[in-house]
Amino acid sequence: MNMKVLLVVIVTCACARASSCPVDDAIGAKCQMMVDQSVQSLIGTFELCYIGMKSGLIPNSAVTTSSFWGPLHEHYQARLDNQISEHSTGSWSSKHNRVGEWIQVDFGTVKKVAGVITQGRPTSTDQWVRQYKVAYGMTENSLAMIQVGGSDKIYTGNSDMETKVYNRFPTVLSTRYIRIYPQSWHHHMSMRLEFVHGHCFDRNPW
């Protein structure tokens, strides 16, 4: 349901609640349910848990990488649900398949981040990141790995090209920078991603 339909529902409900409104009383009994369903639908459409990779709120210039394969494989192609087009191969792909490569996002200001969603490269390429580590910090020179029990946390990534995999961080991070370090991959180091707002820590982000 789009915004125009939601507005019609709300106006109809308001009218149904008014004593002088020529709307069948049965409509009023259904109004709250319709509004609730409409709002939930819009929340899903707006993807309120996403910080901005998919939407573009995070600009291309805020995404950097250690390397990329070539034109159309750049860092800013790593947006969740990106697809192949004349301007993109659908994901970031590193130039080198080796541990130490990374992709980083600068949020511009301090953000509260609950976790990260990843995908592989779309279509028939069979490329995705299987495991990765996450570093974060207020500056690029002060990044620290997320650790659990005194060891760097290794997150399980993707096992196919399209399925979204969400990994929640141990706690909500207050950070400006997040850097993803792939540790293992299938065929080639390629990925798409999105970060999840801290206020969605206790819920599914989609």
C-alpha atoms as a PDB file:
ATOM      1  CA  MET A   1       0.000   0.000   0.000  1.00  0.00           C
ATOM      2  CA  ASN A   2       1.460   3.381  -1.030  1.00  0.00           C
ATOM      3  CA  MET A   3       1.322   6.727   0.752  1.00  0.00           C
ATOM      4  CA  LYS A   4      -1.686   7.975  -1.235  1.00  0.00           C
ATOM      5  CA  VAL A   5      -3.765   4.929  -0.271  1.00  0.00           C
ATOM      6  CA  LEU A   6      -2.704   5.291   3.359  1.00  0.00           C
ATOM      7  CA  LEU A   7      -3.898   8.917   3.397  1.00  0.00           C
ATOM      8  CA  VAL A   8      -7.265   7.855   1.952  1.00  0.00           C
ATOM      9  CA  VAL A   9      -7.596   5.205   4.661  1.00  0.00           C
ATOM     10  CA  ILE A  10      -6.752   7.691   7.421  1.00  0.00           C
ATOM     11  CA  VAL A  11      -9.188  10.328   6.107  1.00  0.00           C
ATOM     12  CA  THR A  12     -11.928   7.723   5.720  1.00  0.00           C
ATOM     13  CA  CYS A  13     -11.327   6.529   9.270  1.00  0.00           C
ATOM     14  CA  ALA A  14     -11.475  10.054  10.626  1.00  0.00           C
ATOM     15  CA  CYS A  15     -14.713  10.600   8.770  1.00  0.00           C
ATOM     16  CA  ALA A  16     -16.193   7.339  10.041  1.00  0.00           C
ATOM     17  CA  ARG A  17     -15.517   8.414  13.606  1.00  0.00           C
ATOM     18  CA  ALA A  18     -17.370  11.714  13.104  1.00  0.00           C
ATOM     19  CA  SER A  19     -21.114  11.649  13.898  1.00  0.00           C
ATOM     20  CA  SER A  20     -22.001  13.694  10.807  1.00  0.00           C
ATOM     21  CA  CYS A  21     -19.998  11.631   8.358  1.00  0.00           C
ATOM     22  CA  PRO A  22     -22.043   9.675   5.735  1.00  0.00           C
ATOM     23  CA  VAL A  23     -19.823   6.574   5.951  1.00  0.00           C
ATOM     24  CA  ASP A  24     -21.115   3.120   6.884  1.00  0.00           C
ATOM     25  CA  ASP A  25     -20.446   2.366  10.560  1.00  0.00           C
ATOM     26  CA  ALA A  26     -18.896  -0.980   9.614  1.00  0.00           C
ATOM     27  CA  ILE A  27     -16.002   0.888   8.030  1.00  0.00           C
ATOM     28  CA  GLY A  28     -15.096   2.471  11.335  1.00  0.00           C
ATOM     29  CA  ALA A  29     -14.657  -0.919  12.961  1.00  0.00           C
ATOM     30  CA  LYS A  30     -12.050  -1.846  10.341  1.00  0.00           C
ATOM     31  CA  CYS A  31     -10.191   1.447  10.311  1.00  0.00           C
ATOM     32  CA  GLN A  32      -7.577   0.853  12.972  1.00  0.00           C
ATOM     33  CA  MET A  33      -6.634  -2.511  11.520  1.00  0.00           C
ATOM     34  CA  MET A  34      -6.261  -1.004   8.040  1.00  0.00           C
ATOM     35  CA  VAL A  35      -4.121   1.871   9.293  1.00  0.00           C
ATOM     36  CA  ASP A  36      -1.895  -0.488  11.287  1.00  0.00           C
ATOM     37  CA  GLN A  37      -1.390  -2.755   8.294  1.00  0.00           C
ATOM     38  CA  SER A  38      -0.673   0.233   6.050  1.00  0.00           C
ATOM     39  CA  VAL A  39       1.916   1.649   8.428  1.00  0.00           C
ATOM     40  CA  GLN A  40       3.646  -1.705   8.741  1.00  0.00           C
ATOM     41  CA  SER A  41       3.725  -1.997   4.953  1.00  0.00           C
ATOM     42  CA  LEU A  42       5.264   1.461   4.631  1.00  0.00           C
ATOM     43  CA  ILE A  43       7.840   0.705   7.300  1.00  0.00           C
ATOM     44  CA  GLY A  44       8.927  -2.312   5.299  1.00  0.00           C
ATOM     45  CA  THR A  45       9.051  -0.221   2.116  1.00  0.00           C
ATOM     46  CA  PHE A  46      11.160   2.507   3.684  1.00  0.00           C
ATOM     47  CA  GLU A  47      13.481  -0.070   5.305  1.00  0.00           C
ATOM     48  CA  LEU A  48      13.872   2.091   8.387  1.00  0.00           C
ATOM     49  CA  CYS A  49      16.556  -0.146   9.879  1.00  0.00           C
ATOM     50  CA  TYR A  50      18.968   0.474   6.983  1.00  0.00           C
ATOM     51  CA  ILE A  51      21.546   3.219   7.486  1.00  0.00           C
ATOM     52  CA  GLY A  52      21.993   4.097   3.833  1.00  0.00           C
ATOM     53  CA  MET A  53      24.042   1.861   1.552  1.00  0.00           C
ATOM     54  CA  LYS A  54      21.009   0.627  -0.373  1.00  0.00           C
ATOM     55  CA  SER A  55      19.207   3.977  -0.431  1.00  0.00           C
ATOM     56  CA  GLY A  56      22.247   6.022  -1.391  1.00  0.00           C
ATOM     57  CA  LEU A  57      22.149   8.139   1.766  1.00  0.00           C
ATOM     58  CA  ILE A  58      25.736   6.969   2.198  1.00  0.00           C
ATOM     59  CA  PRO A  59      27.446   8.660  -0.792  1.00  0.00           C
ATOM     60  CA  ASN A  60      29.870   6.939  -3.148  1.00  0.00           C
ATOM     61  CA  SER A  61      32.718   9.003  -1.740  1.00  0.00           C
ATOM     62  CA  ALA A  62      32.149   7.539   1.753  1.00  0.00           C
ATOM     63  CA  VAL A  63      32.874   3.985   0.573  1.00  0.00           C
ATOM     64  CA  THR A  64      36.508   2.965   0.065  1.00  0.00           C
ATOM     65  CA  THR A  65      38.345  -0.303  -0.520  1.00  0.00           C
ATOM     66  CA  SER A  66      41.856  -1.687  -0.508  1.00  0.00           C
ATOM     67  CA  SER A  67      41.432  -2.505  -4.211  1.00  0.00           C
ATOM     68  CA  PHE A  68      38.853  -3.239  -6.890  1.00  0.00           C
ATOM     69  CA  TRP A  69      38.961  -5.368 -10.012  1.00  0.00           C
ATOM     70  CA  GLY A  70      38.367  -2.551 -12.493  1.00  0.00           C
ATOM     71  CA  PRO A  71      35.650  -0.300 -13.915  1.00  0.00           C
ATOM     72  CA  LEU A  72      32.118  -1.312 -12.859  1.00  0.00           C
ATOM     73  CA  HIS A  73      33.505  -3.260  -9.856  1.00  0.00           C
ATOM     74  CA  GLU A  74      34.277  -0.210  -7.705  1.00  0.00           C
ATOM     75  CA  HIS A  75      33.794   0.209  -3.962  1.00  0.00           C
ATOM     76  CA  TYR A  76      30.481   2.050  -4.333  1.00  0.00           C
ATOM     77  CA  GLN A  77      28.996  -0.894  -6.261  1.00  0.00           C
ATOM     78  CA  ALA A  78      28.758  -2.742  -2.920  1.00  0.00           C
ATOM     79  CA  ARG A  79      25.223  -1.535  -2.191  1.00  0.00           C
ATOM     80  CA  LEU A  80      22.708  -4.069  -0.917  1.00  0.00           C
ATOM     81  CA  ASP A  81      20.465  -5.396  -3.727  1.00  0.00           C
ATOM     82  CA  ASN A  82      22.581  -3.727  -6.417  1.00  0.00           C
ATOM     83  CA  GLN A  83      22.072  -5.421  -9.781  1.00  0.00           C
ATOM     84  CA  ILE A  84      23.933  -5.664 -13.070  1.00  0.00           C
ATOM     85  CA  SER A  85      23.475  -2.692 -15.385  1.00  0.00           C
ATOM     86  CA  GLU A  86      25.443  -0.756 -17.967  1.00  0.00           C
ATOM     87  CA  HIS A  87      27.046   1.072 -15.035  1.00  0.00           C
ATOM     88  CA  SER A  88      27.714  -1.856 -12.690  1.00  0.00           C
ATOM     89  CA  THR A  89      28.583  -5.536 -12.422  1.00  0.00           C
ATOM     90  CA  GLY A  90      26.345  -5.550  -9.347  1.00  0.00           C
ATOM     91  CA  SER A  91      28.889  -5.612  -6.507  1.00  0.00           C
ATOM     92  CA  TRP A  92      32.321  -4.658  -5.287  1.00  0.00           C
ATOM     93  CA  SER A  93      34.960  -7.163  -6.413  1.00  0.00           C
ATOM     94  CA  SER A  94      38.520  -6.959  -5.105  1.00  0.00           C
ATOM     95  CA  LYS A  95      41.505  -6.938  -7.425  1.00  0.00           C
ATOM     96  CA  HIS A  96      43.279  -9.535  -5.292  1.00  0.00           C
ATOM     97  CA  ASN A  97      41.920 -12.644  -3.608  1.00  0.00           C
ATOM     98  CA  ARG A  98      43.927 -12.521  -0.407  1.00  0.00           C
ATOM     99  CA  VAL A  99      43.373 -11.927   3.281  1.00  0.00           C
ATOM    100  CA  GLY A 100      44.033  -8.279   4.066  1.00  0.00           C
ATOM    101  CA  GLU A 101      41.703  -6.812   1.449  1.00  0.00           C
ATOM    102  CA  TRP A 102      38.925  -4.649   2.893  1.00  0.00           C
ATOM    103  CA  ILE A 103      35.902  -2.459   2.247  1.00  0.00           C
ATOM    104  CA  GLN A 104      35.190   0.524   4.502  1.00  0.00           C
ATOM    105  CA  VAL A 105      32.317   2.950   5.097  1.00  0.00           C
ATOM    106  CA  ASP A 106      32.660   6.413   6.612  1.00  0.00           C
ATOM    107  CA  PHE A 107      29.279   7.418   8.055  1.00  0.00           C
ATOM    108  CA  GLY A 108      30.424  11.048   8.212  1.00  0.00           C
ATOM    109  CA  THR A 109      29.349  11.402  11.833  1.00  0.00           C
ATOM    110  CA  VAL A 110      29.159   9.002  14.764  1.00  0.00           C
ATOM    111  CA  LYS A 111      26.411   6.429  14.194  1.00  0.00           C
ATOM    112  CA  LYS A 112      24.981   3.701  16.385  1.00  0.00           C
ATOM    113  CA  VAL A 113      25.289   0.477  14.394  1.00  0.00           C
ATOM    114  CA  ALA A 114      23.664  -2.841  15.307  1.00  0.00           C
ATOM    115  CA  GLY A 115      25.096  -5.058  12.594  1.00  0.00           C
ATOM    116  CA  VAL A 116      25.744  -5.686   8.907  1.00  0.00           C
ATOM    117  CA  ILE A 117      23.815  -7.377   6.089  1.00  0.00           C
ATOM    118  CA  THR A 118      25.763  -8.955   3.231  1.00  0.00           C
ATOM    119  CA  GLN A 119      25.080 -10.470  -0.176  1.00  0.00           C
ATOM    120  CA  GLY A 120      27.260 -11.973  -2.885  1.00  0.00           C
ATOM    121  CA  ARG A 121      27.648 -10.776  -6.463  1.00  0.00           C
ATOM    122  CA  PRO A 122      24.398 -11.151  -8.456  1.00  0.00           C
ATOM    123  CA  THR A 123      23.531 -13.396 -11.423  1.00  0.00           C
ATOM    124  CA  SER A 124      25.612 -16.391 -12.534  1.00  0.00           C
ATOM    125  CA  THR A 125      29.068 -15.431 -11.288  1.00  0.00           C
ATOM    126  CA  ASP A 126      29.022 -17.615  -8.137  1.00  0.00           C
ATOM    127  CA  GLN A 127      31.084 -15.112  -6.134  1.00  0.00           C
ATOM    128  CA  TRP A 128      30.593 -14.269  -2.476  1.00  0.00           C
ATOM    129  CA  VAL A 129      32.396 -13.785   0.838  1.00  0.00           C
ATOM    130  CA  ARG A 130      32.081 -16.752   3.193  1.00  0.00           C
ATOM    131  CA  GLN A 131      33.695 -15.251   6.312  1.00  0.00           C
ATOM    132  CA  TYR A 132      34.829 -11.821   7.423  1.00  0.00           C
ATOM    133  CA  LYS A 133      36.063  -9.751  10.354  1.00  0.00           C
ATOM    134  CA  VAL A 134      34.815  -6.295  11.339  1.00  0.00           C
ATOM    135  CA  ALA A 135      36.858  -3.331  12.558  1.00  0.00           C
ATOM    136  CA  TYR A 136      35.449  -0.032  13.775  1.00  0.00           C
ATOM    137  CA  GLY A 137      36.567   3.286  15.224  1.00  0.00           C
ATOM    138  CA  MET A 138      36.250   7.051  15.298  1.00  0.00           C
ATOM    139  CA  THR A 139      39.200   7.535  12.925  1.00  0.00           C
ATOM    140  CA  GLU A 140      40.805   5.399  10.239  1.00  0.00           C
ATOM    141  CA  ASN A 141      43.963   5.213  12.342  1.00  0.00           C
ATOM    142  CA  SER A 142      42.205   3.900  15.447  1.00  0.00           C
ATOM    143  CA  LEU A 143      40.216   0.981  14.067  1.00  0.00           C
ATOM    144  CA  ALA A 144      39.859  -2.023  16.382  1.00  0.00           C
ATOM    145  CA  MET A 145      38.596  -5.484  15.531  1.00  0.00           C
ATOM    146  CA  ILE A 146      35.415  -6.718  17.142  1.00  0.00           C
ATOM    147  CA  GLN A 147      36.520  -9.399  19.559  1.00  0.00           C
ATOM    148  CA  VAL A 148      34.787 -12.127  21.536  1.00  0.00           C
ATOM    149  CA  GLY A 149      36.655 -13.860  24.350  1.00  0.00           C
ATOM    150  CA  GLY A 150      39.869 -12.023  23.522  1.00  0.00           C
ATOM    151  CA  SER A 151      39.977 -13.176  19.877  1.00  0.00           C
ATOM    152  CA  ASP A 152      38.891 -11.480  16.671  1.00  0.00           C
ATOM    153  CA  LYS A 153      35.296 -12.387  15.891  1.00  0.00           C
ATOM    154  CA  ILE A 154      34.924 -14.186  12.544  1.00  0.00           C
ATOM    155  CA  TYR A 155      31.460 -13.725  11.086  1.00  0.00           C
ATOM    156  CA  THR A 156      29.795 -16.246   8.813  1.00  0.00           C
ATOM    157  CA  GLY A 157      28.903 -14.569   5.543  1.00  0.00           C
ATOM    158  CA  ASN A 158      27.158 -15.836   2.459  1.00  0.00           C
ATOM    159  CA  SER A 159      26.680 -19.229   0.846  1.00  0.00           C
ATOM    160  CA  ASP A 160      25.067 -18.034  -2.387  1.00  0.00           C
ATOM    161  CA  MET A 161      24.764 -14.931  -4.540  1.00  0.00           C
ATOM    162  CA  GLU A 162      21.463 -13.379  -3.455  1.00  0.00           C
ATOM    163  CA  THR A 163      20.456 -14.425   0.056  1.00  0.00           C
ATOM    164  CA  LYS A 164      20.826 -11.627   2.596  1.00  0.00           C
ATOM    165  CA  VAL A 165      22.755 -12.670   5.705  1.00  0.00           C
ATOM    166  CA  TYR A 166      22.462 -10.477   8.807  1.00  0.00           C
ATOM    167  CA  ASN A 167      25.113 -10.546  11.512  1.00  0.00           C
ATOM    168  CA  ARG A 168      24.349  -8.617  14.685  1.00  0.00           C
ATOM    169  CA  PHE A 169      27.316  -7.186  16.576  1.00  0.00           C
ATOM    170  CA  PRO A 170      27.826  -8.207  20.240  1.00  0.00           C
ATOM    171  CA  THR A 171      26.677  -4.737  21.284  1.00  0.00           C
ATOM    172  CA  VAL A 172      25.546  -1.600  19.477  1.00  0.00           C
ATOM    173  CA  LEU A 173      28.642   0.165  18.160  1.00  0.00           C
ATOM    174  CA  SER A 174      29.045   3.936  18.408  1.00  0.00           C
ATOM    175  CA  THR A 175      31.398   4.573  15.526  1.00  0.00           C
ATOM    176  CA  ARG A 176      32.143   6.681  12.469  1.00  0.00           C
ATOM    177  CA  TYR A 177      34.029   4.046  10.468  1.00  0.00           C
ATOM    178  CA  ILE A 178      33.414   0.357   9.845  1.00  0.00           C
ATOM    179  CA  ARG A 179      35.806  -1.783   7.819  1.00  0.00           C
ATOM    180  CA  ILE A 180      35.021  -5.320   6.627  1.00  0.00           C
ATOM    181  CA  TYR A 181      37.945  -7.746   6.149  1.00  0.00           C
ATOM    182  CA  PRO A 182      36.983 -10.833   4.087  1.00  0.00           C
ATOM    183  CA  GLN A 183      38.657 -13.985   5.401  1.00  0.00           C
ATOM    184  CA  SER A 184      37.400 -16.609   2.952  1.00  0.00           C
ATOM    185  CA  TRP A 185      35.378 -16.466  -0.253  1.00  0.00           C
ATOM    186  CA  HIS A 186      33.834 -18.525  -3.039  1.00  0.00           C
ATOM    187  CA  HIS A 187      35.568 -18.158  -6.439  1.00  0.00           C
ATOM    188  CA  HIS A 188      36.239 -14.428  -5.954  1.00  0.00           C
ATOM    189  CA  MET A 189      35.996 -11.796  -3.215  1.00  0.00           C
ATOM    190  CA  SER A 190      32.786  -9.961  -4.131  1.00  0.00           C
ATOM    191  CA  MET A 191      30.102  -8.505  -1.902  1.00  0.00           C
ATOM    192  CA  ARG A 192      27.175  -6.156  -1.394  1.00  0.00           C
ATOM    193  CA  LEU A 193      26.266  -4.816   2.037  1.00  0.00           C
ATOM    194  CA  GLU A 194      24.152  -2.621   4.275  1.00  0.00           C
ATOM    195  CA  PHE A 195      24.502  -1.503   7.897  1.00  0.00           C
ATOM    196  CA  VAL A 196      21.699  -1.636  10.461  1.00  0.00           C
ATOM    197  CA  HIS A 197      20.710   1.206  12.800  1.00  0.00           C
ATOM    198  CA  GLY A 198      21.350   0.707  16.494  1.00  0.00           C
ATOM    199  CA  HIS A 199      17.655   1.168  17.322  1.00  0.00           C
ATOM    200  CA  CYS A 200      16.974  -2.085  15.438  1.00  0.00           C
ATOM    201  CA  PHE A 201      19.352  -4.154  17.581  1.00  0.00           C
ATOM    202  CA  ASP A 202      16.539  -6.236  19.092  1.00  0.00           C
ATOM    203  CA  ARG A 203      14.555  -6.810  15.901  1.00  0.00           C
ATOM    204  CA  ASN A 204      14.849  -8.319  12.441  1.00  0.00           C
ATOM    205  CA  PRO A 205      16.017  -5.519  10.108  1.00  0.00           C
ATOM    206  CA  TRP A 206      13.615  -6.465   7.311  1.00  0.00           C
END
